[in-house]
N, C-alpha and C. Protein backbone atom coordinates (compact mmCIF):
# COMPACT_ATOMS: atom_id res chain seq x y z
N UNK A 1 -41.01 117.41 -74.17
CA UNK A 1 -40.89 116.16 -74.26
C UNK A 1 -39.73 115.70 -75.16
N UNK A 2 -38.80 114.37 -74.52
CA UNK A 2 -37.93 113.94 -75.36
C UNK A 2 -38.12 112.76 -75.72
N UNK A 3 -38.89 112.34 -76.82
CA UNK A 3 -39.15 110.94 -77.28
C UNK A 3 -38.12 110.70 -78.27
N UNK A 4 -38.41 109.54 -79.01
CA UNK A 4 -37.49 109.52 -80.05
C UNK A 4 -38.53 108.36 -81.33
N UNK A 5 -37.78 108.16 -82.30
CA UNK A 5 -38.32 107.26 -83.37
C UNK A 5 -37.13 107.14 -84.28
N UNK A 6 -36.79 105.70 -84.31
CA UNK A 6 -35.75 105.33 -85.27
C UNK A 6 -35.84 103.94 -85.78
N UNK A 7 -35.20 103.71 -86.89
CA UNK A 7 -35.29 102.27 -87.46
C UNK A 7 -33.95 101.33 -86.98
N UNK A 8 -34.36 100.24 -87.17
CA UNK A 8 -33.21 99.52 -86.55
C UNK A 8 -33.39 97.90 -87.41
N UNK A 9 -32.52 96.89 -87.04
CA UNK A 9 -32.58 95.34 -87.72
C UNK A 9 -32.41 94.65 -86.45
N UNK A 10 -33.42 93.69 -86.50
CA UNK A 10 -33.44 92.70 -85.45
C UNK A 10 -32.16 91.98 -85.41
N UNK A 11 -31.25 91.76 -84.40
CA UNK A 11 -29.98 90.79 -84.42
C UNK A 11 -30.42 89.26 -83.77
N UNK A 12 -31.04 89.65 -82.46
CA UNK A 12 -31.63 88.27 -81.89
C UNK A 12 -32.33 88.91 -80.78
N UNK A 13 -33.29 87.81 -80.38
CA UNK A 13 -34.17 87.83 -79.09
C UNK A 13 -33.31 87.35 -77.97
N UNK A 14 -33.28 88.06 -76.85
CA UNK A 14 -32.54 87.80 -75.74
C UNK A 14 -33.57 86.98 -74.94
N UNK A 15 -34.81 87.38 -74.63
CA UNK A 15 -35.95 86.67 -74.09
C UNK A 15 -37.16 87.37 -74.81
N UNK A 16 -38.29 87.09 -74.17
CA UNK A 16 -39.47 87.44 -75.04
C UNK A 16 -39.82 88.80 -75.01
N UNK A 17 -39.42 89.72 -74.24
CA UNK A 17 -39.44 90.96 -74.12
C UNK A 17 -38.14 91.83 -73.92
N UNK A 18 -37.05 91.27 -74.58
CA UNK A 18 -35.91 92.11 -74.68
C UNK A 18 -35.30 91.35 -76.02
N UNK A 19 -35.03 92.39 -77.07
CA UNK A 19 -34.38 92.24 -78.32
C UNK A 19 -33.19 93.14 -78.53
N UNK A 20 -32.28 92.56 -79.38
CA UNK A 20 -30.86 93.02 -79.51
C UNK A 20 -31.00 93.47 -80.93
N UNK A 21 -30.98 94.80 -81.13
CA UNK A 21 -31.08 95.31 -82.71
C UNK A 21 -29.79 96.08 -82.91
N UNK A 22 -29.89 96.28 -84.42
CA UNK A 22 -28.66 97.17 -84.78
C UNK A 22 -29.23 98.44 -85.51
N UNK A 23 -29.08 99.64 -84.72
CA UNK A 23 -29.61 100.70 -85.21
C UNK A 23 -28.67 101.43 -86.18
N UNK A 24 -29.07 102.02 -87.36
CA UNK A 24 -27.83 102.84 -88.12
C UNK A 24 -27.49 103.89 -87.38
N UNK A 25 -28.10 104.48 -86.37
CA UNK A 25 -27.70 105.79 -85.63
C UNK A 25 -26.53 105.32 -84.71
N UNK A 26 -26.10 104.11 -84.42
CA UNK A 26 -24.97 103.61 -83.68
C UNK A 26 -23.84 103.29 -84.71
N UNK A 27 -22.58 103.01 -84.24
CA UNK A 27 -21.44 102.75 -85.06
C UNK A 27 -21.81 101.33 -85.60
N UNK A 28 -21.35 101.02 -86.84
CA UNK A 28 -21.59 99.66 -87.42
C UNK A 28 -21.36 98.52 -86.48
N UNK A 29 -22.01 97.49 -86.56
CA UNK A 29 -22.09 96.37 -85.73
C UNK A 29 -22.09 96.61 -84.41
N UNK A 30 -22.62 97.61 -83.96
CA UNK A 30 -23.01 97.83 -82.49
C UNK A 30 -24.42 97.68 -81.97
N UNK A 31 -24.75 96.62 -81.30
CA UNK A 31 -26.05 96.36 -80.84
C UNK A 31 -26.46 97.10 -79.90
N UNK A 32 -27.85 97.30 -79.84
CA UNK A 32 -28.46 98.07 -78.75
C UNK A 32 -29.53 96.92 -78.23
N UNK A 33 -29.67 97.10 -76.80
CA UNK A 33 -30.61 96.09 -76.06
C UNK A 33 -31.92 96.73 -75.98
N UNK A 34 -32.86 96.46 -76.32
CA UNK A 34 -34.05 96.95 -76.27
C UNK A 34 -35.34 96.33 -75.42
N UNK A 35 -35.79 96.82 -74.43
CA UNK A 35 -36.95 96.34 -73.42
C UNK A 35 -38.11 96.82 -74.13
N UNK A 36 -39.04 95.88 -74.57
CA UNK A 36 -40.25 96.23 -75.16
C UNK A 36 -41.09 97.15 -74.12
N UNK A 37 -41.54 98.17 -74.54
CA UNK A 37 -42.44 98.89 -73.56
C UNK A 37 -43.90 98.20 -73.24
N UNK A 38 -44.32 98.08 -71.96
CA UNK A 38 -45.65 97.58 -71.49
C UNK A 38 -45.54 96.07 -71.98
N UNK A 39 -44.76 95.48 -72.19
CA UNK A 39 -44.79 93.98 -72.56
C UNK A 39 -44.18 93.24 -71.28
N UNK A 40 -44.80 92.41 -70.76
CA UNK A 40 -44.44 91.57 -69.57
C UNK A 40 -44.35 90.21 -69.79
N UNK A 41 -43.38 89.51 -70.17
CA UNK A 41 -43.35 88.07 -70.59
C UNK A 41 -42.66 87.15 -69.48
N UNK A 42 -42.59 86.08 -69.48
CA UNK A 42 -41.78 85.27 -68.47
C UNK A 42 -40.33 85.43 -68.77
N UNK A 43 -39.56 85.28 -67.65
CA UNK A 43 -37.96 85.44 -67.93
C UNK A 43 -37.45 84.19 -68.35
N UNK A 44 -36.03 84.12 -68.82
CA UNK A 44 -35.62 82.94 -69.23
C UNK A 44 -35.65 81.88 -68.01
N UNK A 45 -35.94 80.80 -68.41
CA UNK A 45 -36.13 79.69 -67.34
C UNK A 45 -37.60 79.57 -66.71
N UNK A 46 -38.26 80.30 -66.71
CA UNK A 46 -39.82 80.42 -66.26
C UNK A 46 -40.73 79.74 -67.21
N UNK A 47 -41.48 79.25 -66.55
CA UNK A 47 -42.74 78.54 -67.38
C UNK A 47 -43.34 79.28 -68.37
N UNK A 48 -43.28 78.94 -69.67
CA UNK A 48 -44.10 79.76 -70.74
C UNK A 48 -43.08 80.70 -71.48
N UNK A 49 -41.68 80.80 -71.11
CA UNK A 49 -40.94 81.45 -71.60
C UNK A 49 -40.64 80.99 -73.12
N UNK A 50 -40.43 79.75 -73.26
CA UNK A 50 -40.22 79.50 -74.68
C UNK A 50 -41.09 79.87 -75.67
N UNK A 51 -42.39 79.50 -75.35
CA UNK A 51 -43.63 79.97 -76.24
C UNK A 51 -43.59 81.33 -76.56
N UNK A 52 -43.54 82.25 -75.22
CA UNK A 52 -43.52 83.52 -75.56
C UNK A 52 -42.33 84.18 -76.51
N UNK A 53 -41.08 83.66 -76.40
CA UNK A 53 -40.19 84.07 -77.45
C UNK A 53 -40.40 83.45 -78.63
N UNK A 54 -41.02 82.35 -78.94
CA UNK A 54 -41.37 81.88 -80.10
C UNK A 54 -42.24 82.71 -80.77
N UNK A 55 -43.00 83.29 -80.24
CA UNK A 55 -44.21 84.15 -80.74
C UNK A 55 -43.47 85.53 -81.00
N UNK A 56 -42.51 86.00 -80.16
CA UNK A 56 -41.75 87.35 -80.50
C UNK A 56 -40.99 87.11 -81.80
N UNK A 57 -40.25 86.02 -81.90
CA UNK A 57 -39.41 85.68 -82.85
C UNK A 57 -40.22 85.46 -84.25
N UNK A 58 -41.46 85.07 -84.04
CA UNK A 58 -42.27 84.70 -85.35
C UNK A 58 -42.76 86.17 -85.77
N UNK A 59 -43.02 87.02 -84.92
CA UNK A 59 -43.57 88.38 -85.28
C UNK A 59 -42.61 89.27 -85.75
N UNK A 60 -41.24 89.10 -85.19
CA UNK A 60 -40.21 89.94 -85.71
C UNK A 60 -38.91 88.96 -85.92
N UNK A 61 -38.74 88.33 -86.86
CA UNK A 61 -37.54 87.41 -87.00
C UNK A 61 -36.22 88.11 -87.15
N UNK A 62 -35.05 87.61 -87.12
CA UNK A 62 -33.91 88.07 -87.09
C UNK A 62 -33.63 88.54 -88.43
N UNK A 63 -33.17 89.66 -88.51
CA UNK A 63 -33.11 90.47 -89.86
C UNK A 63 -34.31 91.26 -90.16
N UNK A 64 -35.32 91.40 -89.38
CA UNK A 64 -36.35 92.21 -89.60
C UNK A 64 -36.07 93.52 -89.40
N UNK A 65 -36.55 94.44 -90.37
CA UNK A 65 -36.64 95.96 -90.31
C UNK A 65 -37.78 96.25 -89.34
N UNK A 66 -37.26 97.11 -88.02
CA UNK A 66 -38.38 97.42 -87.21
C UNK A 66 -38.21 99.08 -86.98
N UNK A 67 -39.18 99.65 -86.40
CA UNK A 67 -39.19 101.05 -85.93
C UNK A 67 -39.31 100.95 -84.46
N UNK A 68 -38.42 101.60 -83.55
CA UNK A 68 -38.21 101.82 -82.33
C UNK A 68 -38.93 103.24 -81.99
N UNK A 69 -39.84 103.31 -81.03
CA UNK A 69 -40.51 104.53 -80.58
C UNK A 69 -40.64 104.81 -78.99
N UNK A 70 -40.67 105.81 -78.62
CA UNK A 70 -41.39 106.06 -77.22
C UNK A 70 -41.34 107.53 -77.10
N UNK A 71 -42.25 107.94 -76.15
CA UNK A 71 -42.21 109.32 -75.89
C UNK A 71 -41.37 109.92 -74.94
N UNK A 72 -40.55 109.08 -74.13
CA UNK A 72 -39.69 109.43 -73.45
C UNK A 72 -38.31 108.57 -73.65
N UNK A 73 -37.17 109.11 -73.12
CA UNK A 73 -35.90 108.09 -73.17
C UNK A 73 -35.95 107.46 -71.86
N UNK A 74 -35.93 106.27 -71.55
CA UNK A 74 -35.87 105.40 -70.37
C UNK A 74 -35.09 104.36 -70.44
N UNK A 75 -34.04 104.34 -69.60
CA UNK A 75 -33.17 102.91 -69.49
C UNK A 75 -33.33 102.15 -68.41
N UNK A 76 -33.66 100.76 -68.61
CA UNK A 76 -33.77 99.51 -67.56
C UNK A 76 -32.94 98.62 -67.81
N UNK A 77 -32.01 98.42 -66.74
CA UNK A 77 -30.95 97.31 -66.70
C UNK A 77 -30.18 97.51 -68.03
N UNK A 78 -29.76 98.81 -68.33
CA UNK A 78 -28.87 98.77 -69.76
C UNK A 78 -29.69 98.59 -70.96
N UNK A 79 -31.11 98.68 -70.91
CA UNK A 79 -31.72 98.44 -72.13
C UNK A 79 -32.75 99.64 -72.16
N UNK A 80 -32.71 100.09 -73.56
CA UNK A 80 -33.69 101.20 -73.93
C UNK A 80 -35.05 100.79 -74.00
N UNK A 81 -36.06 101.41 -73.47
CA UNK A 81 -37.55 101.06 -73.44
C UNK A 81 -38.07 101.76 -74.73
N UNK A 82 -38.74 100.78 -75.52
CA UNK A 82 -39.25 101.11 -76.55
C UNK A 82 -40.45 100.31 -77.21
N UNK A 83 -41.45 100.90 -77.80
CA UNK A 83 -42.57 100.27 -78.59
C UNK A 83 -41.53 99.58 -79.81
N UNK A 84 -42.03 98.40 -80.36
CA UNK A 84 -41.36 97.76 -81.44
C UNK A 84 -42.53 97.53 -82.38
N UNK A 85 -42.30 98.08 -83.60
CA UNK A 85 -43.21 97.91 -84.94
C UNK A 85 -42.56 97.74 -86.08
N UNK A 86 -43.20 96.92 -86.93
CA UNK A 86 -42.66 96.77 -88.30
C UNK A 86 -42.25 98.03 -88.90
N UNK A 87 -41.20 98.18 -89.76
CA UNK A 87 -40.70 99.44 -90.46
C UNK A 87 -41.28 99.33 -91.60
């Protein structure tokens, strides 16, 4: 199994289920787009997206230290799929 677990800092929320993070395993100031695993929220412009994004931003505000994990490496639309937890 090729899983992963590493820390990062939240840079900004793209929408309610996609976040841009800065992991120390990447070159400095290089962001990584992360698709939250098993989270299905409205897309930008859809009803409820602003509320869903506000909840995500409240749970993990910009500057938060987070832990990204998954039991497999999977990319969807240039985003790494991962679970997001407080570091």
